[in-house]
Amino acid sequence: MKYALIQNHAGRFVPPSAASFQAAAATADWSHAQDFNLVMTNAPGPNAYPIAASTFVLMYKTPKDRARSASALKFFRWSLGRGQKQALALDYVPLPAPLVKRIDGYITQNIR
């Protein structure tokens, strides 16, 4: 696949890679992103690829089917924990540990 080196916020030209996507996630300002709604364009890190995105999961706070919701939540928690090790092999980018911790806290506080 063809790709371009694009100048990032720090003025560096970085290749698109798992490392540069992870750098974008690590330096993005998640603390001000309500419900993790954040587009990571031009993340401030020197190694961050300037065009990166995340995948969102939407779940009801009070689901109609608690058992199905609990199963889905169990999977998502597994993916944030032990599943991170498999991410690269599946062509996904592991999330930075501080972001995983922030997401886990959000789930604990908001999903029942």
PDB file of N, CA and C in Angstrom:
ATOM      1  N   MET A   1       0.840  -1.165   0.000  1.00  0.00           N
ATOM      2  CA  MET A   1       0.000   0.000   0.000  1.00  0.00           C
ATOM      3  C   MET A   1       0.894   1.240   0.000  1.00  0.00           C
ATOM      4  N   LYS A   2       0.532   2.205  -0.782  1.00  0.00           N
ATOM      5  CA  LYS A   2       1.292   3.447  -0.817  1.00  0.00           C
ATOM      6  C   LYS A   2       0.852   4.342   0.330  1.00  0.00           C
ATOM      7  N   TYR A   3       1.784   5.109   0.834  1.00  0.00           N
ATOM      8  CA  TYR A   3       1.473   6.041   1.916  1.00  0.00           C
ATOM      9  C   TYR A   3       2.416   7.231   1.805  1.00  0.00           C
ATOM     10  N   ALA A   4       2.128   8.240   2.594  1.00  0.00           N
ATOM     11  CA  ALA A   4       2.938   9.455   2.560  1.00  0.00           C
ATOM     12  C   ALA A   4       3.464   9.772   3.949  1.00  0.00           C
ATOM     13  N   LEU A   5       4.624  10.390   3.967  1.00  0.00           N
ATOM     14  CA  LEU A   5       5.126  10.948   5.214  1.00  0.00           C
ATOM     15  C   LEU A   5       4.491  12.331   5.319  1.00  0.00           C
ATOM     16  N   ILE A   6       3.759  12.537   6.394  1.00  0.00           N
ATOM     17  CA  ILE A   6       3.053  13.801   6.571  1.00  0.00           C
ATOM     18  C   ILE A   6       3.666  14.532   7.757  1.00  0.00           C
ATOM     19  N   GLN A   7       3.816  15.828   7.627  1.00  0.00           N
ATOM     20  CA  GLN A   7       4.392  16.612   8.710  1.00  0.00           C
ATOM     21  C   GLN A   7       3.408  16.679   9.870  1.00  0.00           C
ATOM     22  N   ASN A   8       3.893  16.342  11.064  1.00  0.00           N
ATOM     23  CA  ASN A   8       3.020  16.350  12.238  1.00  0.00           C
ATOM     24  C   ASN A   8       3.100  17.689  12.975  1.00  0.00           C
ATOM     25  N   HIS A   9       2.375  17.793  14.054  1.00  0.00           N
ATOM     26  CA  HIS A   9       2.298  19.024  14.848  1.00  0.00           C
ATOM     27  C   HIS A   9       3.674  19.505  15.322  1.00  0.00           C
ATOM     28  N   ALA A  10       4.554  18.554  15.579  1.00  0.00           N
ATOM     29  CA  ALA A  10       5.901  18.892  16.053  1.00  0.00           C
ATOM     30  C   ALA A  10       6.853  19.257  14.913  1.00  0.00           C
ATOM     31  N   GLY A  11       6.363  19.202  13.675  1.00  0.00           N
ATOM     32  CA  GLY A  11       7.202  19.574  12.535  1.00  0.00           C
ATOM     33  C   GLY A  11       7.983  18.425  11.933  1.00  0.00           C
ATOM     34  N   ARG A  12       7.789  17.216  12.438  1.00  0.00           N
ATOM     35  CA  ARG A  12       8.505  16.048  11.919  1.00  0.00           C
ATOM     36  C   ARG A  12       7.661  15.322  10.882  1.00  0.00           C
ATOM     37  N   PHE A  13       8.330  14.678   9.941  1.00  0.00           N
ATOM     38  CA  PHE A  13       7.675  13.835   8.953  1.00  0.00           C
ATOM     39  C   PHE A  13       7.814  12.396   9.429  1.00  0.00           C
ATOM     40  N   VAL A  14       6.693  11.794   9.817  1.00  0.00           N
ATOM     41  CA  VAL A  14       6.735  10.440  10.378  1.00  0.00           C
ATOM     42  C   VAL A  14       5.934   9.488   9.490  1.00  0.00           C
ATOM     43  N   PRO A  15       6.373   8.226   9.427  1.00  0.00           N
ATOM     44  CA  PRO A  15       5.632   7.252   8.632  1.00  0.00           C
ATOM     45  C   PRO A  15       4.412   6.744   9.401  1.00  0.00           C
ATOM     46  N   PRO A  16       3.389   6.318   8.685  1.00  0.00           N
ATOM     47  CA  PRO A  16       2.260   5.703   9.367  1.00  0.00           C
ATOM     48  C   PRO A  16       2.675   4.303   9.834  1.00  0.00           C
ATOM     49  N   SER A  17       2.592   4.074  11.113  1.00  0.00           N
ATOM     50  CA  SER A  17       2.986   2.777  11.674  1.00  0.00           C
ATOM     51  C   SER A  17       2.268   2.586  13.006  1.00  0.00           C
ATOM     52  N   ALA A  18       2.332   1.382  13.513  1.00  0.00           N
ATOM     53  CA  ALA A  18       1.727   1.118  14.820  1.00  0.00           C
ATOM     54  C   ALA A  18       2.347   2.034  15.872  1.00  0.00           C
ATOM     55  N   ALA A  19       3.653   2.243  15.798  1.00  0.00           N
ATOM     56  CA  ALA A  19       4.332   3.086  16.787  1.00  0.00           C
ATOM     57  C   ALA A  19       3.887   4.550  16.689  1.00  0.00           C
ATOM     58  N   SER A  20       3.718   5.059  15.464  1.00  0.00           N
ATOM     59  CA  SER A  20       3.318   6.466  15.334  1.00  0.00           C
ATOM     60  C   SER A  20       1.839   6.660  15.654  1.00  0.00           C
ATOM     61  N   PHE A  21       1.008   5.634  15.431  1.00  0.00           N
ATOM     62  CA  PHE A  21      -0.400   5.711  15.838  1.00  0.00           C
ATOM     63  C   PHE A  21      -0.503   5.651  17.358  1.00  0.00           C
ATOM     64  N   GLN A  22       0.311   4.785  17.966  1.00  0.00           N
ATOM     65  CA  GLN A  22       0.316   4.682  19.426  1.00  0.00           C
ATOM     66  C   GLN A  22       0.830   5.981  20.041  1.00  0.00           C
ATOM     67  N   ALA A  23       1.801   6.603  19.416  1.00  0.00           N
ATOM     68  CA  ALA A  23       2.307   7.893  19.909  1.00  0.00           C
ATOM     69  C   ALA A  23       1.215   8.957  19.842  1.00  0.00           C
ATOM     70  N   ALA A  24       0.394   8.920  18.803  1.00  0.00           N
ATOM     71  CA  ALA A  24      -0.718   9.871  18.703  1.00  0.00           C
ATOM     72  C   ALA A  24      -1.701   9.648  19.848  1.00  0.00           C
ATOM     73  N   ALA A  25      -2.028   8.402  20.125  1.00  0.00           N
ATOM     74  CA  ALA A  25      -2.960   8.085  21.219  1.00  0.00           C
ATOM     75  C   ALA A  25      -2.375   8.461  22.574  1.00  0.00           C
ATOM     76  N   ALA A  26      -1.069   8.289  22.712  1.00  0.00           N
ATOM     77  CA  ALA A  26      -0.414   8.576  23.996  1.00  0.00           C
ATOM     78  C   ALA A  26      -0.330  10.074  24.284  1.00  0.00           C
ATOM     79  N   THR A  27      -0.255  10.893  23.253  1.00  0.00           N
ATOM     80  CA  THR A  27      -0.077  12.329  23.472  1.00  0.00           C
ATOM     81  C   THR A  27      -1.355  13.139  23.266  1.00  0.00           C
ATOM     82  N   ALA A  28      -2.422  12.483  22.838  1.00  0.00           N
ATOM     83  CA  ALA A  28      -3.698  13.186  22.651  1.00  0.00           C
ATOM     84  C   ALA A  28      -4.253  13.606  24.015  1.00  0.00           C
ATOM     85  N   ASP A  29      -5.035  14.656  24.031  1.00  0.00           N
ATOM     86  CA  ASP A  29      -5.584  15.193  25.283  1.00  0.00           C
ATOM     87  C   ASP A  29      -6.902  14.504  25.635  1.00  0.00           C
ATOM     88  N   TRP A  30      -6.801  13.321  26.212  1.00  0.00           N
ATOM     89  CA  TRP A  30      -7.975  12.547  26.588  1.00  0.00           C
ATOM     90  C   TRP A  30      -8.685  13.130  27.801  1.00  0.00           C
ATOM     91  N   SER A  31      -7.997  13.898  28.609  1.00  0.00           N
ATOM     92  CA  SER A  31      -8.609  14.423  29.837  1.00  0.00           C
ATOM     93  C   SER A  31      -9.735  15.409  29.555  1.00  0.00           C
ATOM     94  N   HIS A  32      -9.724  16.035  28.402  1.00  0.00           N
ATOM     95  CA  HIS A  32     -10.772  16.991  28.050  1.00  0.00           C
ATOM     96  C   HIS A  32     -11.753  16.434  27.012  1.00  0.00           C
ATOM     97  N   ALA A  33     -11.647  15.145  26.713  1.00  0.00           N
ATOM     98  CA  ALA A  33     -12.519  14.526  25.715  1.00  0.00           C
ATOM     99  C   ALA A  33     -13.700  13.869  26.421  1.00  0.00           C
ATOM    100  N   GLN A  34     -14.857  14.475  26.296  1.00  0.00           N
ATOM    101  CA  GLN A  34     -16.046  13.914  26.941  1.00  0.00           C
ATOM    102  C   GLN A  34     -16.373  12.562  26.323  1.00  0.00           C
ATOM    103  N   ASP A  35     -16.492  11.557  27.163  1.00  0.00           N
ATOM    104  CA  ASP A  35     -16.833  10.194  26.734  1.00  0.00           C
ATOM    105  C   ASP A  35     -15.843   9.655  25.694  1.00  0.00           C
ATOM    106  N   PHE A  36     -14.609  10.122  25.734  1.00  0.00           N
ATOM    107  CA  PHE A  36     -13.541   9.698  24.823  1.00  0.00           C
ATOM    108  C   PHE A  36     -13.825  10.086  23.373  1.00  0.00           C
ATOM    109  N   ASN A  37     -14.651  11.078  23.178  1.00  0.00           N
ATOM    110  CA  ASN A  37     -14.957  11.568  21.837  1.00  0.00           C
ATOM    111  C   ASN A  37     -13.834  12.514  21.418  1.00  0.00           C
ATOM    112  N   LEU A  38     -12.861  11.976  20.715  1.00  0.00           N
ATOM    113  CA  LEU A  38     -11.684  12.755  20.345  1.00  0.00           C
ATOM    114  C   LEU A  38     -11.167  12.291  18.988  1.00  0.00           C
ATOM    115  N   VAL A  39     -10.976  13.210  18.092  1.00  0.00           N
ATOM    116  CA  VAL A  39     -10.325  12.920  16.826  1.00  0.00           C
ATOM    117  C   VAL A  39      -8.858  13.290  17.016  1.00  0.00           C
ATOM    118  N   MET A  40      -7.980  12.364  16.753  1.00  0.00           N
ATOM    119  CA  MET A  40      -6.562  12.567  17.058  1.00  0.00           C
ATOM    120  C   MET A  40      -5.778  13.183  15.908  1.00  0.00           C
ATOM    121  N   THR A  41      -6.337  14.135  15.211  1.00  0.00           N
ATOM    122  CA  THR A  41      -5.567  14.790  14.165  1.00  0.00           C
ATOM    123  C   THR A  41      -4.607  15.784  14.810  1.00  0.00           C
ATOM    124  N   ASN A  42      -3.385  15.741  14.339  1.00  0.00           N
ATOM    125  CA  ASN A  42      -2.337  16.631  14.826  1.00  0.00           C
ATOM    126  C   ASN A  42      -2.045  16.495  16.317  1.00  0.00           C
ATOM    127  N   ALA A  43      -1.989  15.274  16.813  1.00  0.00           N
ATOM    128  CA  ALA A  43      -1.602  15.050  18.209  1.00  0.00           C
ATOM    129  C   ALA A  43      -0.217  15.660  18.423  1.00  0.00           C
ATOM    130  N   PRO A  44       0.065  16.185  19.607  1.00  0.00           N
ATOM    131  CA  PRO A  44       1.277  16.971  19.815  1.00  0.00           C
ATOM    132  C   PRO A  44       2.598  16.205  19.910  1.00  0.00           C
ATOM    133  N   GLY A  45       2.602  14.917  20.003  1.00  0.00           N
ATOM    134  CA  GLY A  45       3.856  14.187  20.200  1.00  0.00           C
ATOM    135  C   GLY A  45       4.792  14.250  19.007  1.00  0.00           C
ATOM    136  N   PRO A  46       6.096  14.249  19.243  1.00  0.00           N
ATOM    137  CA  PRO A  46       7.059  14.342  18.139  1.00  0.00           C
ATOM    138  C   PRO A  46       7.046  13.127  17.218  1.00  0.00           C
ATOM    139  N   ASN A  47       6.586  11.986  17.707  1.00  0.00           N
ATOM    140  CA  ASN A  47       6.540  10.777  16.895  1.00  0.00           C
ATOM    141  C   ASN A  47       5.129  10.404  16.465  1.00  0.00           C
ATOM    142  N   ALA A  48       4.157  11.297  16.719  1.00  0.00           N
ATOM    143  CA  ALA A  48       2.762  11.007  16.428  1.00  0.00           C
ATOM    144  C   ALA A  48       2.443  11.215  14.952  1.00  0.00           C
ATOM    145  N   TYR A  49       1.792  10.236  14.364  1.00  0.00           N
ATOM    146  CA  TYR A  49       1.302  10.407  13.000  1.00  0.00           C
ATOM    147  C   TYR A  49       0.134  11.382  13.068  1.00  0.00           C
ATOM    148  N   PRO A  50       0.074  12.366  12.179  1.00  0.00           N
ATOM    149  CA  PRO A  50      -0.921  13.430  12.327  1.00  0.00           C
ATOM    150  C   PRO A  50      -2.354  13.060  11.957  1.00  0.00           C
ATOM    151  N   ILE A  51      -2.557  11.904  11.344  1.00  0.00           N
ATOM    152  CA  ILE A  51      -3.916  11.497  10.989  1.00  0.00           C
ATOM    153  C   ILE A  51      -4.157  10.124  11.611  1.00  0.00           C
ATOM    154  N   ALA A  52      -4.759  10.123  12.770  1.00  0.00           N
ATOM    155  CA  ALA A  52      -5.034   8.865  13.466  1.00  0.00           C
ATOM    156  C   ALA A  52      -6.461   8.924  14.003  1.00  0.00           C
ATOM    157  N   ALA A  53      -7.048   7.782  14.185  1.00  0.00           N
ATOM    158  CA  ALA A  53      -8.421   7.718  14.695  1.00  0.00           C
ATOM    159  C   ALA A  53      -8.551   6.539  15.646  1.00  0.00           C
ATOM    160  N   SER A  54      -9.603   6.554  16.408  1.00  0.00           N
ATOM    161  CA  SER A  54      -9.882   5.455  17.314  1.00  0.00           C
ATOM    162  C   SER A  54     -11.240   4.859  16.974  1.00  0.00           C
ATOM    163  N   THR A  55     -11.500   3.716  17.541  1.00  0.00           N
ATOM    164  CA  THR A  55     -12.781   3.046  17.369  1.00  0.00           C
ATOM    165  C   THR A  55     -13.575   3.221  18.647  1.00  0.00           C
ATOM    166  N   PHE A  56     -14.837   3.502  18.507  1.00  0.00           N
ATOM    167  CA  PHE A  56     -15.685   3.736  19.672  1.00  0.00           C
ATOM    168  C   PHE A  56     -16.630   2.565  19.890  1.00  0.00           C
ATOM    169  N   VAL A  57     -16.954   2.337  21.142  1.00  0.00           N
ATOM    170  CA  VAL A  57     -17.937   1.336  21.522  1.00  0.00           C
ATOM    171  C   VAL A  57     -19.047   2.075  22.257  1.00  0.00           C
ATOM    172  N   LEU A  58     -20.265   1.884  21.800  1.00  0.00           N
ATOM    173  CA  LEU A  58     -21.409   2.515  22.453  1.00  0.00           C
ATOM    174  C   LEU A  58     -22.208   1.441  23.191  1.00  0.00           C
ATOM    175  N   MET A  59     -22.483   1.708  24.464  1.00  0.00           N
ATOM    176  CA  MET A  59     -23.282   0.779  25.264  1.00  0.00           C
ATOM    177  C   MET A  59     -24.284   1.577  26.078  1.00  0.00           C
ATOM    178  N   TYR A  60     -25.418   0.993  26.321  1.00  0.00           N
ATOM    179  CA  TYR A  60     -26.424   1.631  27.157  1.00  0.00           C
ATOM    180  C   TYR A  60     -25.974   1.635  28.606  1.00  0.00           C
ATOM    181  N   LYS A  61     -26.243   2.717  29.302  1.00  0.00           N
ATOM    182  CA  LYS A  61     -25.968   2.760  30.741  1.00  0.00           C
ATOM    183  C   LYS A  61     -26.872   1.776  31.470  1.00  0.00           C
ATOM    184  N   THR A  62     -28.109   1.712  31.045  1.00  0.00           N
ATOM    185  CA  THR A  62     -29.072   0.782  31.615  1.00  0.00           C
ATOM    186  C   THR A  62     -29.614  -0.063  30.458  1.00  0.00           C
ATOM    187  N   PRO A  63     -29.001  -1.206  30.183  1.00  0.00           N
ATOM    188  CA  PRO A  63     -29.407  -2.011  29.034  1.00  0.00           C
ATOM    189  C   PRO A  63     -30.723  -2.751  29.273  1.00  0.00           C
ATOM    190  N   LYS A  64     -31.411  -3.057  28.181  1.00  0.00           N
ATOM    191  CA  LYS A  64     -32.635  -3.855  28.263  1.00  0.00           C
ATOM    192  C   LYS A  64     -32.306  -5.301  28.606  1.00  0.00           C
ATOM    193  N   ASP A  65     -31.240  -5.812  28.019  1.00  0.00           N
ATOM    194  CA  ASP A  65     -30.820  -7.192  28.270  1.00  0.00           C
ATOM    195  C   ASP A  65     -29.493  -7.153  29.024  1.00  0.00           C
ATOM    196  N   ARG A  66     -29.576  -7.230  30.321  1.00  0.00           N
ATOM    197  CA  ARG A  66     -28.376  -7.096  31.166  1.00  0.00           C
ATOM    198  C   ARG A  66     -27.359  -8.207  30.917  1.00  0.00           C
ATOM    199  N   ALA A  67     -27.818  -9.410  30.650  1.00  0.00           N
ATOM    200  CA  ALA A  67     -26.898 -10.529  30.432  1.00  0.00           C
ATOM    201  C   ALA A  67     -26.068 -10.323  29.166  1.00  0.00           C
ATOM    202  N   ARG A  68     -26.709  -9.904  28.095  1.00  0.00           N
ATOM    203  CA  ARG A  68     -25.978  -9.667  26.842  1.00  0.00           C
ATOM    204  C   ARG A  68     -25.021  -8.491  26.995  1.00  0.00           C
ATOM    205  N   SER A  69     -25.470  -7.468  27.665  1.00  0.00           N
ATOM    206  CA  SER A  69     -24.614  -6.312  27.897  1.00  0.00           C
ATOM    207  C   SER A  69     -23.405  -6.705  28.750  1.00  0.00           C
ATOM    208  N   ALA A  70     -23.636  -7.525  29.764  1.00  0.00           N
ATOM    209  CA  ALA A  70     -22.539  -7.979  30.625  1.00  0.00           C
ATOM    210  C   ALA A  70     -21.531  -8.805  29.839  1.00  0.00           C
ATOM    211  N   SER A  71     -22.015  -9.630  28.899  1.00  0.00           N
ATOM    212  CA  SER A  71     -21.099 -10.424  28.062  1.00  0.00           C
ATOM    213  C   SER A  71     -20.247  -9.525  27.169  1.00  0.00           C
ATOM    214  N   ALA A  72     -20.882  -8.533  26.579  1.00  0.00           N
ATOM    215  CA  ALA A  72     -20.138  -7.602  25.724  1.00  0.00           C
ATOM    216  C   ALA A  72     -19.110  -6.835  26.548  1.00  0.00           C
ATOM    217  N   LEU A  73     -19.521  -6.377  27.712  1.00  0.00           N
ATOM    218  CA  LEU A  73     -18.613  -5.636  28.586  1.00  0.00           C
ATOM    219  C   LEU A  73     -17.445  -6.510  29.031  1.00  0.00           C
ATOM    220  N   LYS A  74     -17.707  -7.770  29.295  1.00  0.00           N
ATOM    221  CA  LYS A  74     -16.637  -8.712  29.674  1.00  0.00           C
ATOM    222  C   LYS A  74     -15.611  -8.824  28.539  1.00  0.00           C
ATOM    223  N   PHE A  75     -16.104  -8.912  27.304  1.00  0.00           N
ATOM    224  CA  PHE A  75     -15.197  -8.981  26.158  1.00  0.00           C
ATOM    225  C   PHE A  75     -14.369  -7.705  26.038  1.00  0.00           C
ATOM    226  N   PHE A  76     -15.015  -6.555  26.159  1.00  0.00           N
ATOM    227  CA  PHE A  76     -14.277  -5.296  26.023  1.00  0.00           C
ATOM    228  C   PHE A  76     -13.231  -5.145  27.124  1.00  0.00           C
ATOM    229  N   ARG A  77     -13.565  -5.560  28.322  1.00  0.00           N
ATOM    230  CA  ARG A  77     -12.577  -5.495  29.410  1.00  0.00           C
ATOM    231  C   ARG A  77     -11.418  -6.444  29.143  1.00  0.00           C
ATOM    232  N   TRP A  78     -11.717  -7.620  28.605  1.00  0.00           N
ATOM    233  CA  TRP A  78     -10.651  -8.558  28.245  1.00  0.00           C
ATOM    234  C   TRP A  78      -9.758  -7.933  27.177  1.00  0.00           C
ATOM    235  N   SER A  79     -10.382  -7.312  26.160  1.00  0.00           N
ATOM    236  CA  SER A  79      -9.593  -6.724  25.075  1.00  0.00           C
ATOM    237  C   SER A  79      -8.702  -5.589  25.580  1.00  0.00           C
ATOM    238  N   LEU A  80      -9.171  -4.839  26.571  1.00  0.00           N
ATOM    239  CA  LEU A  80      -8.358  -3.758  27.142  1.00  0.00           C
ATOM    240  C   LEU A  80      -7.237  -4.299  28.027  1.00  0.00           C
ATOM    241  N   GLY A  81      -7.416  -5.490  28.548  1.00  0.00           N
ATOM    242  CA  GLY A  81      -6.406  -6.094  29.423  1.00  0.00           C
ATOM    243  C   GLY A  81      -5.523  -7.059  28.648  1.00  0.00           C
ATOM    244  N   ARG A  82      -5.868  -8.317  28.736  1.00  0.00           N
ATOM    245  CA  ARG A  82      -5.050  -9.359  28.099  1.00  0.00           C
ATOM    246  C   ARG A  82      -5.069  -9.300  26.574  1.00  0.00           C
ATOM    247  N   GLY A  83      -6.106  -8.748  26.006  1.00  0.00           N
ATOM    248  CA  GLY A  83      -6.198  -8.669  24.546  1.00  0.00           C
ATOM    249  C   GLY A  83      -5.212  -7.704  23.911  1.00  0.00           C
ATOM    250  N   GLN A  84      -4.679  -6.785  24.687  1.00  0.00           N
ATOM    251  CA  GLN A  84      -3.712  -5.816  24.147  1.00  0.00           C
ATOM    252  C   GLN A  84      -2.505  -6.521  23.540  1.00  0.00           C
ATOM    253  N   LYS A  85      -2.125  -7.655  24.111  1.00  0.00           N
ATOM    254  CA  LYS A  85      -0.953  -8.385  23.608  1.00  0.00           C
ATOM    255  C   LYS A  85      -1.185  -8.929  22.202  1.00  0.00           C
ATOM    256  N   GLN A  86      -2.426  -9.185  21.857  1.00  0.00           N
ATOM    257  CA  GLN A  86      -2.745  -9.751  20.547  1.00  0.00           C
ATOM    258  C   GLN A  86      -3.031  -8.680  19.496  1.00  0.00           C
ATOM    259  N   ALA A  87      -3.119  -7.452  19.905  1.00  0.00           N
ATOM    260  CA  ALA A  87      -3.531  -6.379  18.997  1.00  0.00           C
ATOM    261  C   ALA A  87      -2.649  -6.287  17.756  1.00  0.00           C
ATOM    262  N   LEU A  88      -1.357  -6.248  17.915  1.00  0.00           N
ATOM    263  CA  LEU A  88      -0.462  -6.092  16.760  1.00  0.00           C
ATOM    264  C   LEU A  88      -0.588  -7.255  15.787  1.00  0.00           C
ATOM    265  N   ALA A  89      -0.722  -8.463  16.304  1.00  0.00           N
ATOM    266  CA  ALA A  89      -0.857  -9.628  15.434  1.00  0.00           C
ATOM    267  C   ALA A  89      -2.146  -9.566  14.621  1.00  0.00           C
ATOM    268  N   LEU A  90      -3.133  -8.834  15.103  1.00  0.00           N
ATOM    269  CA  LEU A  90      -4.420  -8.691  14.414  1.00  0.00           C
ATOM    270  C   LEU A  90      -4.521  -7.370  13.645  1.00  0.00           C
ATOM    271  N   ASP A  91      -3.376  -6.695  13.481  1.00  0.00           N
ATOM    272  CA  ASP A  91      -3.293  -5.414  12.779  1.00  0.00           C
ATOM    273  C   ASP A  91      -4.060  -4.281  13.457  1.00  0.00           C
ATOM    274  N   TYR A  92      -4.076  -4.330  14.778  1.00  0.00           N
ATOM    275  CA  TYR A  92      -4.598  -3.231  15.585  1.00  0.00           C
ATOM    276  C   TYR A  92      -3.432  -2.634  16.359  1.00  0.00           C
ATOM    277  N   VAL A  93      -3.636  -1.468  16.920  1.00  0.00           N
ATOM    278  CA  VAL A  93      -2.590  -0.806  17.694  1.00  0.00           C
ATOM    279  C   VAL A  93      -2.968  -0.878  19.175  1.00  0.00           C
ATOM    280  N   PRO A  94      -2.092  -1.443  20.005  1.00  0.00           N
ATOM    281  CA  PRO A  94      -2.391  -1.477  21.438  1.00  0.00           C
ATOM    282  C   PRO A  94      -2.507  -0.060  21.992  1.00  0.00           C
ATOM    283  N   LEU A  95      -3.415   0.116  22.914  1.00  0.00           N
ATOM    284  CA  LEU A  95      -3.582   1.422  23.536  1.00  0.00           C
ATOM    285  C   LEU A  95      -2.519   1.641  24.600  1.00  0.00           C
ATOM    286  N   PRO A  96      -2.092   2.872  24.799  1.00  0.00           N
ATOM    287  CA  PRO A  96      -1.117   3.166  25.860  1.00  0.00           C
ATOM    288  C   PRO A  96      -1.726   2.831  27.233  1.00  0.00           C
ATOM    289  N   ALA A  97      -0.912   2.319  28.133  1.00  0.00           N
ATOM    290  CA  ALA A  97      -1.378   1.890  29.459  1.00  0.00           C
ATOM    291  C   ALA A  97      -2.152   2.980  30.212  1.00  0.00           C
ATOM    292  N   PRO A  98      -1.702   4.238  30.225  1.00  0.00           N
ATOM    293  CA  PRO A  98      -2.491   5.254  30.935  1.00  0.00           C
ATOM    294  C   PRO A  98      -3.893   5.447  30.343  1.00  0.00           C
ATOM    295  N   LEU A  99      -4.019   5.293  29.038  1.00  0.00           N
ATOM    296  CA  LEU A  99      -5.334   5.421  28.407  1.00  0.00           C
ATOM    297  C   LEU A  99      -6.212   4.229  28.775  1.00  0.00           C
ATOM    298  N   VAL A 100      -5.642   3.041  28.804  1.00  0.00           N
ATOM    299  CA  VAL A 100      -6.400   1.850  29.217  1.00  0.00           C
ATOM    300  C   VAL A 100      -6.916   2.038  30.637  1.00  0.00           C
ATOM    301  N   LYS A 101      -6.081   2.551  31.511  1.00  0.00           N
ATOM    302  CA  LYS A 101      -6.492   2.790  32.896  1.00  0.00           C
ATOM    303  C   LYS A 101      -7.639   3.808  32.950  1.00  0.00           C
ATOM    304  N   ARG A 102      -7.553   4.842  32.162  1.00  0.00           N
ATOM    305  CA  ARG A 102      -8.599   5.875  32.117  1.00  0.00           C
ATOM    306  C   ARG A 102      -9.914   5.271  31.600  1.00  0.00           C
ATOM    307  N   ILE A 103      -9.836   4.454  30.562  1.00  0.00           N
ATOM    308  CA  ILE A 103     -11.036   3.808  30.008  1.00  0.00           C
ATOM    309  C   ILE A 103     -11.652   2.863  31.028  1.00  0.00           C
ATOM    310  N   ASP A 104     -10.821   2.084  31.689  1.00  0.00           N
ATOM    311  CA  ASP A 104     -11.323   1.147  32.695  1.00  0.00           C
ATOM    312  C   ASP A 104     -12.049   1.889  33.820  1.00  0.00           C
ATOM    313  N   GLY A 105     -11.493   2.985  34.255  1.00  0.00           N
ATOM    314  CA  GLY A 105     -12.146   3.787  35.281  1.00  0.00           C
ATOM    315  C   GLY A 105     -13.480   4.342  34.801  1.00  0.00           C
ATOM    316  N   TYR A 106     -13.515   4.740  33.556  1.00  0.00           N
ATOM    317  CA  TYR A 106     -14.754   5.272  32.964  1.00  0.00           C
ATOM    318  C   TYR A 106     -15.828   4.184  32.937  1.00  0.00           C
ATOM    319  N   ILE A 107     -15.437   2.993  32.520  1.00  0.00           N
ATOM    320  CA  ILE A 107     -16.389   1.867  32.458  1.00  0.00           C
ATOM    321  C   ILE A 107     -16.928   1.582  33.864  1.00  0.00           C
ATOM    322  N   THR A 108     -16.045   1.507  34.828  1.00  0.00           N
ATOM    323  CA  THR A 108     -16.449   1.218  36.209  1.00  0.00           C
ATOM    324  C   THR A 108     -17.428   2.261  36.718  1.00  0.00           C
ATOM    325  N   GLN A 109     -17.203   3.493  36.377  1.00  0.00           N
ATOM    326  CA  GLN A 109     -18.017   4.593  36.879  1.00  0.00           C
ATOM    327  C   GLN A 109     -19.343   4.752  36.126  1.00  0.00           C
ATOM    328  N   ASN A 110     -19.370   4.386  34.842  1.00  0.00           N
ATOM    329  CA  ASN A 110     -20.539   4.721  34.029  1.00  0.00           C
ATOM    330  C   ASN A 110     -21.402   3.553  33.544  1.00  0.00           C
ATOM    331  N   ILE A 111     -20.856   2.353  33.497  1.00  0.00           N
ATOM    332  CA  ILE A 111     -21.606   1.217  32.969  1.00  0.00           C
ATOM    333  C   ILE A 111     -21.954   0.274  34.110  1.00  0.00           C
ATOM    334  N   ARG A 112     -23.212  -0.088  34.193  1.00  0.00           N
ATOM    335  CA  ARG A 112     -23.670  -0.964  35.281  1.00  0.00           C
ATOM    336  C   ARG A 112     -24.032  -2.317  34.766  1.00  0.00           C
TER     337      ARG A 112
END
